[in-house]
Amino acid sequence: MLRLGILGSTRGTNLTSLIDAIHNEELDASIEVVISNKMDAPILERATNFGLKALFANPADLTRQSYDFYLSNLLKQHHVELVVLMGYMRILSPHFVLNWKNKIINVHPSLLPAFSGLMDLKVHQAVLDTAATVTGCSVHFVTEEVDAGPLILQKKCPVLSNDTAETLKLRVQQLEGQALVEAINKLSTLEITLEEL
């Protein structure tokens, strides 16, 4: 069983997908802790409602490296084996990424490397602006370079002629939860070995 630690700054919509998959025995993992850098982040309330340990880790008065050292210690205290980013709105320090090398994953709402570095509705608007006919999401390992780590998997969906950034976001979000579950399953069953990367 893979022990997960979640870092999030926003709603944490994909958290429900992981919880459901664990409950339905579709994912051999446990969520040990959910941590946010924002006290009022809805992901903390979502975690609490599901009976998960939810922590606010206050970044005030700390440098990025000091804060990430604090975060790393929190994750280690909870015996986390894999860190999952869910709408985490901070760039992780090189020290943190190195300390958790090949143990941090993120889901990005595009088919990377397309539209890397963009977030939320800006990604989907960029997809529409380029008249792409297909989009989707990518689950990847986190490296020092934003959205550039090795891909674990991608899921695709069509871009419809009447799509707005908002409707496209909803369609891609439905894929994100499935993609995270599949990616974590690949890691927990060693279909992807970290040494291969």
N, C-alpha and C. Protein backbone atom coordinates (compact mmCIF):
# COMPACT_ATOMS: atom_id res chain seq x y z
N MET A 1 0.84 -1.19 0.00
CA MET A 1 0.00 0.00 0.00
C MET A 1 0.88 1.24 0.00
N LEU A 2 0.60 2.16 -0.92
CA LEU A 2 1.37 3.38 -1.06
C LEU A 2 0.78 4.46 -0.16
N ARG A 3 1.64 5.10 0.63
CA ARG A 3 1.20 6.14 1.57
C ARG A 3 1.33 7.50 0.90
N LEU A 4 0.19 8.18 0.72
CA LEU A 4 0.14 9.43 -0.02
C LEU A 4 0.09 10.64 0.90
N GLY A 5 0.76 11.70 0.48
CA GLY A 5 0.63 13.01 1.09
C GLY A 5 0.17 13.97 0.01
N ILE A 6 -0.86 14.75 0.30
CA ILE A 6 -1.44 15.66 -0.69
C ILE A 6 -1.05 17.10 -0.34
N LEU A 7 -0.57 17.85 -1.33
CA LEU A 7 -0.32 19.28 -1.17
C LEU A 7 -1.29 20.01 -2.09
N GLY A 8 -2.08 20.93 -1.53
CA GLY A 8 -3.05 21.65 -2.34
C GLY A 8 -3.30 23.05 -1.83
N SER A 9 -3.68 23.94 -2.74
CA SER A 9 -3.96 25.33 -2.38
C SER A 9 -5.39 25.74 -2.73
N THR A 10 -6.11 24.87 -3.45
CA THR A 10 -7.42 25.26 -3.97
C THR A 10 -8.50 24.28 -3.50
N ARG A 11 -9.43 23.93 -4.37
CA ARG A 11 -10.57 23.09 -3.99
C ARG A 11 -10.21 21.62 -3.77
N GLY A 12 -9.24 21.13 -4.49
CA GLY A 12 -8.87 19.73 -4.34
C GLY A 12 -9.92 18.79 -4.89
N THR A 13 -10.50 19.15 -6.03
CA THR A 13 -11.55 18.34 -6.65
C THR A 13 -11.11 16.89 -6.85
N ASN A 14 -9.86 16.70 -7.22
CA ASN A 14 -9.37 15.34 -7.50
C ASN A 14 -9.20 14.49 -6.25
N LEU A 15 -9.23 15.12 -5.09
CA LEU A 15 -9.11 14.36 -3.84
C LEU A 15 -10.25 13.35 -3.73
N THR A 16 -11.45 13.75 -4.13
CA THR A 16 -12.61 12.86 -4.06
C THR A 16 -12.40 11.62 -4.93
N SER A 17 -11.79 11.79 -6.09
CA SER A 17 -11.52 10.64 -6.97
C SER A 17 -10.61 9.64 -6.29
N LEU A 18 -9.57 10.14 -5.61
CA LEU A 18 -8.66 9.23 -4.90
C LEU A 18 -9.36 8.53 -3.75
N ILE A 19 -10.13 9.29 -2.98
CA ILE A 19 -10.85 8.71 -1.84
C ILE A 19 -11.82 7.62 -2.32
N ASP A 20 -12.58 7.92 -3.37
CA ASP A 20 -13.52 6.93 -3.91
C ASP A 20 -12.80 5.68 -4.39
N ALA A 21 -11.69 5.86 -5.09
CA ALA A 21 -10.94 4.70 -5.61
C ALA A 21 -10.38 3.85 -4.48
N ILE A 22 -9.92 4.49 -3.41
CA ILE A 22 -9.42 3.74 -2.25
C ILE A 22 -10.56 2.99 -1.59
N HIS A 23 -11.69 3.67 -1.40
CA HIS A 23 -12.87 3.06 -0.76
C HIS A 23 -13.38 1.87 -1.57
N ASN A 24 -13.36 2.00 -2.89
CA ASN A 24 -13.85 0.93 -3.77
C ASN A 24 -12.79 -0.12 -4.08
N GLU A 25 -11.67 -0.04 -3.40
CA GLU A 25 -10.55 -0.98 -3.56
C GLU A 25 -10.02 -1.01 -5.00
N GLU A 26 -10.09 0.14 -5.66
CA GLU A 26 -9.52 0.29 -7.00
C GLU A 26 -8.13 0.90 -6.94
N LEU A 27 -7.73 1.33 -5.74
CA LEU A 27 -6.43 1.97 -5.55
C LEU A 27 -5.85 1.48 -4.23
N ASP A 28 -4.69 0.85 -4.30
CA ASP A 28 -4.04 0.30 -3.11
C ASP A 28 -3.14 1.38 -2.51
N ALA A 29 -3.78 2.33 -1.84
CA ALA A 29 -3.05 3.46 -1.26
C ALA A 29 -3.82 3.97 -0.06
N SER A 30 -3.15 4.80 0.73
CA SER A 30 -3.81 5.48 1.84
C SER A 30 -3.39 6.94 1.81
N ILE A 31 -4.31 7.82 2.17
CA ILE A 31 -4.00 9.25 2.23
C ILE A 31 -3.66 9.57 3.68
N GLU A 32 -2.38 9.83 3.93
CA GLU A 32 -1.90 10.03 5.29
C GLU A 32 -2.13 11.44 5.79
N VAL A 33 -2.02 12.42 4.90
CA VAL A 33 -2.17 13.82 5.32
C VAL A 33 -2.45 14.67 4.08
N VAL A 34 -3.26 15.72 4.31
CA VAL A 34 -3.53 16.74 3.29
C VAL A 34 -3.04 18.06 3.86
N ILE A 35 -2.13 18.71 3.16
CA ILE A 35 -1.50 19.94 3.65
C ILE A 35 -1.76 21.06 2.66
N SER A 36 -2.08 22.25 3.20
CA SER A 36 -2.26 23.42 2.35
C SER A 36 -1.47 24.59 2.89
N ASN A 37 -1.03 25.44 1.98
CA ASN A 37 -0.37 26.68 2.35
C ASN A 37 -1.37 27.81 2.56
N LYS A 38 -2.66 27.52 2.38
CA LYS A 38 -3.71 28.53 2.56
C LYS A 38 -4.69 28.04 3.62
N MET A 39 -4.88 28.85 4.65
CA MET A 39 -5.72 28.45 5.77
C MET A 39 -7.16 28.18 5.34
N ASP A 40 -7.66 28.96 4.36
CA ASP A 40 -9.06 28.83 3.95
C ASP A 40 -9.23 27.98 2.69
N ALA A 41 -8.23 27.21 2.33
CA ALA A 41 -8.33 26.38 1.11
C ALA A 41 -9.42 25.33 1.27
N PRO A 42 -10.36 25.27 0.32
CA PRO A 42 -11.44 24.28 0.40
C PRO A 42 -10.95 22.83 0.48
N ILE A 43 -9.74 22.54 0.00
CA ILE A 43 -9.22 21.17 0.07
C ILE A 43 -9.11 20.71 1.52
N LEU A 44 -8.82 21.63 2.45
CA LEU A 44 -8.71 21.25 3.86
C LEU A 44 -10.08 20.85 4.42
N GLU A 45 -11.11 21.61 4.06
CA GLU A 45 -12.47 21.26 4.50
C GLU A 45 -12.91 19.93 3.87
N ARG A 46 -12.59 19.75 2.59
CA ARG A 46 -12.94 18.51 1.90
C ARG A 46 -12.27 17.32 2.61
N ALA A 47 -11.00 17.47 2.95
CA ALA A 47 -10.26 16.40 3.63
C ALA A 47 -10.87 16.10 4.99
N THR A 48 -11.17 17.14 5.74
CA THR A 48 -11.77 16.97 7.07
C THR A 48 -13.11 16.27 6.98
N ASN A 49 -13.92 16.65 5.99
CA ASN A 49 -15.23 16.02 5.81
C ASN A 49 -15.12 14.52 5.54
N PHE A 50 -13.99 14.10 4.96
CA PHE A 50 -13.77 12.67 4.70
C PHE A 50 -12.98 12.00 5.82
N GLY A 51 -12.76 12.72 6.91
CA GLY A 51 -12.07 12.13 8.05
C GLY A 51 -10.56 12.01 7.88
N LEU A 52 -10.01 12.79 6.96
CA LEU A 52 -8.56 12.76 6.74
C LEU A 52 -7.87 13.82 7.58
N LYS A 53 -6.60 13.60 7.89
CA LYS A 53 -5.82 14.59 8.62
C LYS A 53 -5.54 15.75 7.68
N ALA A 54 -5.97 16.95 8.07
CA ALA A 54 -5.81 18.14 7.25
C ALA A 54 -5.01 19.18 8.04
N LEU A 55 -3.94 19.68 7.43
CA LEU A 55 -3.06 20.63 8.12
C LEU A 55 -2.86 21.89 7.29
N PHE A 56 -2.91 23.03 7.98
CA PHE A 56 -2.51 24.29 7.37
C PHE A 56 -1.05 24.52 7.75
N ALA A 57 -0.19 24.61 6.76
CA ALA A 57 1.23 24.88 7.00
C ALA A 57 1.49 26.33 6.60
N ASN A 58 1.62 27.18 7.57
CA ASN A 58 1.70 28.62 7.35
C ASN A 58 3.05 29.02 6.75
N PRO A 59 3.03 29.61 5.55
CA PRO A 59 4.29 30.00 4.92
C PRO A 59 4.79 31.38 5.35
N ALA A 60 4.00 32.09 6.18
CA ALA A 60 4.36 33.46 6.56
C ALA A 60 5.74 33.50 7.23
N ASP A 61 6.51 34.51 6.86
CA ASP A 61 7.83 34.77 7.46
C ASP A 61 8.87 33.70 7.17
N LEU A 62 8.61 32.81 6.22
CA LEU A 62 9.59 31.78 5.88
C LEU A 62 10.05 31.96 4.44
N THR A 63 11.32 31.73 4.20
CA THR A 63 11.80 31.71 2.81
C THR A 63 11.21 30.47 2.14
N ARG A 64 11.29 30.44 0.82
CA ARG A 64 10.76 29.28 0.09
C ARG A 64 11.45 28.00 0.54
N GLN A 65 12.77 28.05 0.69
CA GLN A 65 13.51 26.85 1.08
C GLN A 65 13.18 26.44 2.51
N SER A 66 13.06 27.42 3.42
CA SER A 66 12.72 27.09 4.82
C SER A 66 11.32 26.48 4.90
N TYR A 67 10.40 27.06 4.14
CA TYR A 67 9.04 26.53 4.14
C TYR A 67 9.01 25.10 3.59
N ASP A 68 9.72 24.88 2.50
CA ASP A 68 9.74 23.54 1.91
C ASP A 68 10.43 22.52 2.81
N PHE A 69 11.42 22.97 3.59
CA PHE A 69 12.06 22.09 4.57
C PHE A 69 11.03 21.69 5.64
N TYR A 70 10.24 22.67 6.08
CA TYR A 70 9.16 22.43 7.05
C TYR A 70 8.14 21.44 6.46
N LEU A 71 7.74 21.67 5.21
CA LEU A 71 6.79 20.77 4.54
C LEU A 71 7.33 19.35 4.45
N SER A 72 8.58 19.24 4.06
CA SER A 72 9.22 17.94 3.92
C SER A 72 9.20 17.18 5.24
N ASN A 73 9.49 17.89 6.32
CA ASN A 73 9.46 17.26 7.64
C ASN A 73 8.06 16.79 8.02
N LEU A 74 7.05 17.61 7.69
CA LEU A 74 5.66 17.20 7.97
C LEU A 74 5.32 15.92 7.21
N LEU A 75 5.70 15.86 5.96
CA LEU A 75 5.42 14.67 5.15
C LEU A 75 6.14 13.44 5.70
N LYS A 76 7.37 13.62 6.11
CA LYS A 76 8.14 12.51 6.68
C LYS A 76 7.55 12.04 8.01
N GLN A 77 7.06 12.99 8.82
CA GLN A 77 6.43 12.62 10.09
C GLN A 77 5.22 11.72 9.87
N HIS A 78 4.57 11.87 8.72
CA HIS A 78 3.40 11.06 8.39
C HIS A 78 3.76 9.86 7.51
N HIS A 79 5.05 9.59 7.37
CA HIS A 79 5.56 8.42 6.64
C HIS A 79 5.06 8.37 5.19
N VAL A 80 4.97 9.55 4.58
CA VAL A 80 4.51 9.65 3.19
C VAL A 80 5.56 9.07 2.25
N GLU A 81 5.07 8.32 1.26
CA GLU A 81 5.95 7.72 0.24
C GLU A 81 5.84 8.41 -1.12
N LEU A 82 4.66 9.01 -1.38
CA LEU A 82 4.43 9.69 -2.65
C LEU A 82 3.66 10.98 -2.37
N VAL A 83 4.19 12.10 -2.88
CA VAL A 83 3.54 13.40 -2.73
C VAL A 83 2.73 13.68 -3.99
N VAL A 84 1.45 14.03 -3.80
CA VAL A 84 0.56 14.33 -4.92
C VAL A 84 0.17 15.80 -4.84
N LEU A 85 0.48 16.55 -5.89
CA LEU A 85 0.11 17.96 -5.94
C LEU A 85 -1.28 18.09 -6.55
N MET A 86 -2.14 18.85 -5.85
CA MET A 86 -3.51 19.10 -6.34
C MET A 86 -3.79 20.59 -6.28
N GLY A 87 -3.62 21.26 -7.39
CA GLY A 87 -3.84 22.70 -7.40
C GLY A 87 -2.92 23.41 -6.42
N TYR A 88 -1.69 22.94 -6.32
CA TYR A 88 -0.74 23.54 -5.39
C TYR A 88 -0.10 24.75 -6.06
N MET A 89 -0.35 25.92 -5.52
CA MET A 89 0.00 27.17 -6.18
C MET A 89 1.34 27.75 -5.73
N ARG A 90 2.27 26.87 -5.39
CA ARG A 90 3.62 27.32 -5.06
C ARG A 90 4.61 26.51 -5.91
N ILE A 91 5.68 27.17 -6.29
CA ILE A 91 6.76 26.46 -6.99
C ILE A 91 7.64 25.83 -5.92
N LEU A 92 7.85 24.54 -6.02
CA LEU A 92 8.67 23.84 -5.03
C LEU A 92 10.14 24.18 -5.22
N SER A 93 10.85 24.30 -4.11
CA SER A 93 12.28 24.64 -4.16
C SER A 93 13.08 23.46 -4.72
N PRO A 94 14.24 23.75 -5.32
CA PRO A 94 15.11 22.67 -5.81
C PRO A 94 15.45 21.66 -4.71
N HIS A 95 15.65 22.14 -3.50
CA HIS A 95 15.99 21.25 -2.38
C HIS A 95 14.86 20.25 -2.13
N PHE A 96 13.61 20.73 -2.13
CA PHE A 96 12.46 19.86 -1.89
C PHE A 96 12.35 18.82 -3.01
N VAL A 97 12.47 19.28 -4.24
CA VAL A 97 12.34 18.38 -5.39
C VAL A 97 13.43 17.31 -5.36
N LEU A 98 14.64 17.70 -5.01
CA LEU A 98 15.74 16.74 -4.92
C LEU A 98 15.52 15.75 -3.78
N ASN A 99 15.04 16.27 -2.66
CA ASN A 99 14.78 15.43 -1.48
C ASN A 99 13.69 14.39 -1.75
N TRP A 100 12.74 14.72 -2.63
CA TRP A 100 11.62 13.83 -2.96
C TRP A 100 11.69 13.40 -4.43
N LYS A 101 12.88 13.27 -4.96
CA LYS A 101 13.05 12.95 -6.38
C LYS A 101 12.29 11.67 -6.76
N ASN A 102 11.51 11.79 -7.84
CA ASN A 102 10.66 10.69 -8.34
C ASN A 102 9.62 10.23 -7.32
N LYS A 103 9.29 11.13 -6.39
CA LYS A 103 8.26 10.82 -5.39
C LYS A 103 7.24 11.94 -5.29
N ILE A 104 7.21 12.81 -6.30
CA ILE A 104 6.21 13.89 -6.37
C ILE A 104 5.56 13.80 -7.74
N ILE A 105 4.22 13.77 -7.76
CA ILE A 105 3.52 13.79 -9.04
C ILE A 105 2.53 14.95 -9.07
N ASN A 106 2.23 15.37 -10.28
CA ASN A 106 1.31 16.48 -10.51
C ASN A 106 0.43 16.12 -11.70
N VAL A 107 -0.80 16.64 -11.69
CA VAL A 107 -1.65 16.51 -12.87
C VAL A 107 -1.78 17.90 -13.48
N HIS A 108 -1.51 17.99 -14.78
CA HIS A 108 -1.57 19.27 -15.49
C HIS A 108 -2.70 19.18 -16.51
N PRO A 109 -3.52 20.26 -16.63
CA PRO A 109 -4.71 20.19 -17.50
C PRO A 109 -4.44 20.44 -18.98
N SER A 110 -3.38 19.81 -19.50
CA SER A 110 -3.15 19.83 -20.95
C SER A 110 -2.32 18.61 -21.30
N LEU A 111 -2.17 18.39 -22.59
CA LEU A 111 -1.32 17.30 -23.07
C LEU A 111 0.10 17.85 -23.19
N LEU A 112 0.84 17.75 -22.10
CA LEU A 112 2.21 18.27 -22.07
C LEU A 112 3.04 17.63 -23.18
N PRO A 113 3.96 18.36 -23.78
CA PRO A 113 4.47 19.66 -23.34
C PRO A 113 3.64 20.86 -23.77
N ALA A 114 2.54 20.65 -24.46
CA ALA A 114 1.70 21.78 -24.88
C ALA A 114 1.15 22.52 -23.66
N PHE A 115 1.23 23.82 -23.70
CA PHE A 115 0.64 24.71 -22.70
C PHE A 115 1.22 24.50 -21.30
N SER A 116 2.48 24.12 -21.24
CA SER A 116 3.13 24.01 -19.93
C SER A 116 3.30 25.41 -19.35
N GLY A 117 3.31 25.49 -18.04
CA GLY A 117 3.51 26.76 -17.36
C GLY A 117 2.24 27.57 -17.18
N LEU A 118 1.17 27.23 -17.90
CA LEU A 118 -0.11 27.93 -17.72
C LEU A 118 -0.94 27.21 -16.67
N MET A 119 -1.87 27.95 -16.05
CA MET A 119 -2.71 27.34 -15.02
C MET A 119 -4.19 27.62 -15.26
N ASP A 120 -5.00 26.72 -14.76
CA ASP A 120 -6.44 26.86 -14.68
C ASP A 120 -7.05 27.27 -16.03
N LEU A 121 -7.91 28.28 -16.04
CA LEU A 121 -8.63 28.64 -17.26
C LEU A 121 -7.71 29.13 -18.37
N LYS A 122 -6.53 29.64 -18.01
CA LYS A 122 -5.59 30.12 -19.04
C LYS A 122 -5.15 28.97 -19.95
N VAL A 123 -5.02 27.78 -19.39
CA VAL A 123 -4.66 26.61 -20.20
C VAL A 123 -5.75 26.35 -21.23
N HIS A 124 -6.98 26.30 -20.76
CA HIS A 124 -8.10 25.93 -21.63
C HIS A 124 -8.37 27.01 -22.68
N GLN A 125 -8.20 28.28 -22.29
CA GLN A 125 -8.36 29.36 -23.26
C GLN A 125 -7.27 29.27 -24.34
N ALA A 126 -6.06 28.91 -23.93
CA ALA A 126 -4.97 28.76 -24.91
C ALA A 126 -5.27 27.62 -25.88
N VAL A 127 -5.85 26.54 -25.38
CA VAL A 127 -6.24 25.42 -26.25
C VAL A 127 -7.25 25.92 -27.29
N LEU A 128 -8.24 26.68 -26.84
CA LEU A 128 -9.26 27.20 -27.76
C LEU A 128 -8.65 28.19 -28.76
N ASP A 129 -7.74 29.03 -28.27
CA ASP A 129 -7.13 30.05 -29.13
C ASP A 129 -6.30 29.44 -30.25
N THR A 130 -5.77 28.25 -30.04
CA THR A 130 -4.96 27.59 -31.07
C THR A 130 -5.79 26.67 -31.97
N ALA A 131 -7.10 26.63 -31.71
CA ALA A 131 -8.03 25.80 -32.50
C ALA A 131 -7.66 24.32 -32.46
N ALA A 132 -7.13 23.88 -31.33
CA ALA A 132 -6.82 22.46 -31.15
C ALA A 132 -8.12 21.66 -31.16
N THR A 133 -8.08 20.44 -31.66
CA THR A 133 -9.28 19.60 -31.69
C THR A 133 -9.27 18.56 -30.58
N VAL A 134 -8.13 18.40 -29.93
CA VAL A 134 -7.99 17.43 -28.84
C VAL A 134 -7.22 18.09 -27.71
N THR A 135 -7.63 17.80 -26.49
CA THR A 135 -6.90 18.25 -25.31
C THR A 135 -6.94 17.12 -24.29
N GLY A 136 -6.62 17.42 -23.07
CA GLY A 136 -6.65 16.38 -22.04
C GLY A 136 -5.82 16.79 -20.85
N CYS A 137 -5.28 15.78 -20.17
CA CYS A 137 -4.47 16.05 -18.99
C CYS A 137 -3.26 15.13 -18.98
N SER A 138 -2.26 15.54 -18.23
CA SER A 138 -1.01 14.78 -18.11
C SER A 138 -0.66 14.61 -16.64
N VAL A 139 -0.30 13.40 -16.25
CA VAL A 139 0.26 13.18 -14.92
C VAL A 139 1.75 12.97 -15.12
N HIS A 140 2.53 13.74 -14.36
CA HIS A 140 3.98 13.70 -14.55
C HIS A 140 4.70 13.79 -13.21
N PHE A 141 5.94 13.33 -13.21
CA PHE A 141 6.79 13.54 -12.04
C PHE A 141 7.20 15.01 -12.01
N VAL A 142 7.36 15.54 -10.82
CA VAL A 142 7.75 16.93 -10.65
C VAL A 142 9.27 17.04 -10.59
N THR A 143 9.78 17.96 -11.39
CA THR A 143 11.21 18.28 -11.38
C THR A 143 11.36 19.77 -11.10
N GLU A 144 12.58 20.25 -11.08
CA GLU A 144 12.81 21.68 -10.81
C GLU A 144 12.17 22.56 -11.88
N GLU A 145 12.12 22.07 -13.10
CA GLU A 145 11.52 22.85 -14.19
C GLU A 145 10.01 22.60 -14.21
N VAL A 146 9.23 23.68 -14.20
CA VAL A 146 7.77 23.59 -14.09
C VAL A 146 7.18 22.80 -15.28
N ASP A 147 6.35 21.82 -14.95
CA ASP A 147 5.61 21.01 -15.94
C ASP A 147 6.51 20.29 -16.94
N ALA A 148 7.74 19.98 -16.54
CA ALA A 148 8.68 19.38 -17.49
C ALA A 148 9.17 18.00 -17.07
N GLY A 149 8.66 17.46 -15.97
CA GLY A 149 9.11 16.16 -15.50
C GLY A 149 8.63 15.02 -16.39
N PRO A 150 9.23 13.84 -16.23
CA PRO A 150 8.84 12.67 -17.03
C PRO A 150 7.34 12.36 -16.92
N LEU A 151 6.72 12.09 -18.07
CA LEU A 151 5.29 11.77 -18.10
C LEU A 151 5.04 10.36 -17.58
N ILE A 152 3.96 10.21 -16.82
CA ILE A 152 3.51 8.90 -16.38
C ILE A 152 2.40 8.43 -17.30
N LEU A 153 1.42 9.32 -17.55
CA LEU A 153 0.37 9.00 -18.52
C LEU A 153 -0.39 10.25 -18.91
N GLN A 154 -1.13 10.15 -20.00
CA GLN A 154 -2.00 11.22 -20.48
C GLN A 154 -3.36 10.66 -20.82
N LYS A 155 -4.39 11.49 -20.66
CA LYS A 155 -5.75 11.13 -21.07
C LYS A 155 -6.25 12.24 -21.98
N LYS A 156 -6.99 11.86 -23.02
CA LYS A 156 -7.43 12.82 -24.03
C LYS A 156 -8.95 12.95 -24.07
N CYS A 157 -9.39 14.12 -24.53
CA CYS A 157 -10.81 14.34 -24.82
C CYS A 157 -10.92 15.33 -25.98
N PRO A 158 -12.05 15.32 -26.67
CA PRO A 158 -12.20 16.23 -27.80
C PRO A 158 -12.45 17.67 -27.35
N VAL A 159 -12.07 18.59 -28.20
CA VAL A 159 -12.45 20.00 -28.03
C VAL A 159 -13.64 20.22 -28.95
N LEU A 160 -14.77 20.64 -28.39
CA LEU A 160 -15.99 20.81 -29.17
C LEU A 160 -16.08 22.22 -29.73
N SER A 161 -16.80 22.37 -30.83
CA SER A 161 -16.86 23.67 -31.51
C SER A 161 -17.52 24.75 -30.66
N ASN A 162 -18.40 24.34 -29.73
CA ASN A 162 -19.08 25.33 -28.88
C ASN A 162 -18.45 25.45 -27.49
N ASP A 163 -17.27 24.88 -27.30
CA ASP A 163 -16.62 24.94 -25.99
C ASP A 163 -16.21 26.36 -25.61
N THR A 164 -16.31 26.62 -24.32
CA THR A 164 -15.70 27.80 -23.71
C THR A 164 -14.58 27.27 -22.82
N ALA A 165 -13.77 28.16 -22.28
CA ALA A 165 -12.71 27.72 -21.37
C ALA A 165 -13.32 26.98 -20.18
N GLU A 166 -14.49 27.44 -19.73
CA GLU A 166 -15.14 26.83 -18.57
C GLU A 166 -15.66 25.42 -18.88
N THR A 167 -16.30 25.23 -20.03
CA THR A 167 -16.83 23.89 -20.35
C THR A 167 -15.69 22.91 -20.62
N LEU A 168 -14.63 23.42 -21.23
CA LEU A 168 -13.47 22.57 -21.49
C LEU A 168 -12.80 22.16 -20.18
N LYS A 169 -12.72 23.11 -19.26
CA LYS A 169 -12.13 22.81 -17.95
C LYS A 169 -12.90 21.68 -17.27
N LEU A 170 -14.22 21.73 -17.30
CA LEU A 170 -15.04 20.69 -16.67
C LEU A 170 -14.78 19.33 -17.29
N ARG A 171 -14.67 19.28 -18.62
CA ARG A 171 -14.44 18.01 -19.30
C ARG A 171 -13.06 17.44 -18.95
N VAL A 172 -12.06 18.30 -18.92
CA VAL A 172 -10.70 17.85 -18.59
C VAL A 172 -10.62 17.43 -17.12
N GLN A 173 -11.31 18.16 -16.24
CA GLN A 173 -11.29 17.80 -14.81
C GLN A 173 -11.82 16.39 -14.58
N GLN A 174 -12.81 15.98 -15.36
CA GLN A 174 -13.33 14.62 -15.23
C GLN A 174 -12.25 13.59 -15.52
N LEU A 175 -11.34 13.92 -16.42
CA LEU A 175 -10.24 13.01 -16.75
C LEU A 175 -9.14 13.02 -15.69
N GLU A 176 -8.96 14.16 -15.04
CA GLU A 176 -7.84 14.31 -14.11
C GLU A 176 -7.88 13.30 -12.96
N GLY A 177 -9.06 13.14 -12.36
CA GLY A 177 -9.18 12.19 -11.25
C GLY A 177 -8.87 10.77 -11.70
N GLN A 178 -9.41 10.38 -12.87
CA GLN A 178 -9.13 9.04 -13.41
C GLN A 178 -7.64 8.87 -13.68
N ALA A 179 -7.03 9.91 -14.23
CA ALA A 179 -5.61 9.84 -14.58
C ALA A 179 -4.75 9.70 -13.33
N LEU A 180 -5.08 10.43 -12.28
CA LEU A 180 -4.32 10.32 -11.03
C LEU A 180 -4.41 8.92 -10.45
N VAL A 181 -5.63 8.37 -10.43
CA VAL A 181 -5.82 7.01 -9.90
C VAL A 181 -4.99 6.02 -10.71
N GLU A 182 -5.06 6.10 -12.03
CA GLU A 182 -4.30 5.18 -12.88
C GLU A 182 -2.80 5.34 -12.68
N ALA A 183 -2.34 6.58 -12.57
CA ALA A 183 -0.91 6.84 -12.40
C ALA A 183 -0.41 6.28 -11.07
N ILE A 184 -1.17 6.51 -10.01
CA ILE A 184 -0.75 6.01 -8.69
C ILE A 184 -0.78 4.49 -8.68
N ASN A 185 -1.77 3.90 -9.35
CA ASN A 185 -1.80 2.44 -9.46
C ASN A 185 -0.56 1.92 -10.19
N LYS A 186 -0.17 2.59 -11.26
CA LYS A 186 1.04 2.17 -11.98
C LYS A 186 2.26 2.22 -11.06
N LEU A 187 2.33 3.27 -10.25
CA LEU A 187 3.47 3.40 -9.34
C LEU A 187 3.41 2.37 -8.22
N SER A 188 2.21 2.15 -7.68
CA SER A 188 2.10 1.24 -6.53
C SER A 188 2.29 -0.22 -6.94
N THR A 189 1.96 -0.54 -8.19
CA THR A 189 2.15 -1.92 -8.65
C THR A 189 3.47 -2.07 -9.41
N LEU A 190 4.26 -0.99 -9.38
CA LEU A 190 5.58 -0.99 -10.01
C LEU A 190 5.55 -1.26 -11.51
N GLU A 191 4.43 -0.90 -12.15
CA GLU A 191 4.41 -0.95 -13.62
C GLU A 191 5.41 0.07 -14.17
N ILE A 192 5.57 1.14 -13.40
CA ILE A 192 6.61 2.11 -13.73
C ILE A 192 7.57 2.08 -12.55
N THR A 193 8.80 1.74 -12.80
CA THR A 193 9.77 1.77 -11.71
C THR A 193 10.51 3.10 -11.76
N LEU A 194 10.71 3.68 -10.61
CA LEU A 194 11.32 5.00 -10.55
C LEU A 194 12.73 4.99 -11.12
N GLU A 195 13.39 3.86 -11.06
CA GLU A 195 14.75 3.78 -11.58
C GLU A 195 14.80 3.89 -13.10
N GLU A 196 13.66 3.62 -13.76
CA GLU A 196 13.62 3.68 -15.23
C GLU A 196 13.66 5.11 -15.73
N LEU A 197 13.37 6.05 -14.86
CA LEU A 197 13.24 7.44 -15.31
C LEU A 197 14.57 8.15 -15.34
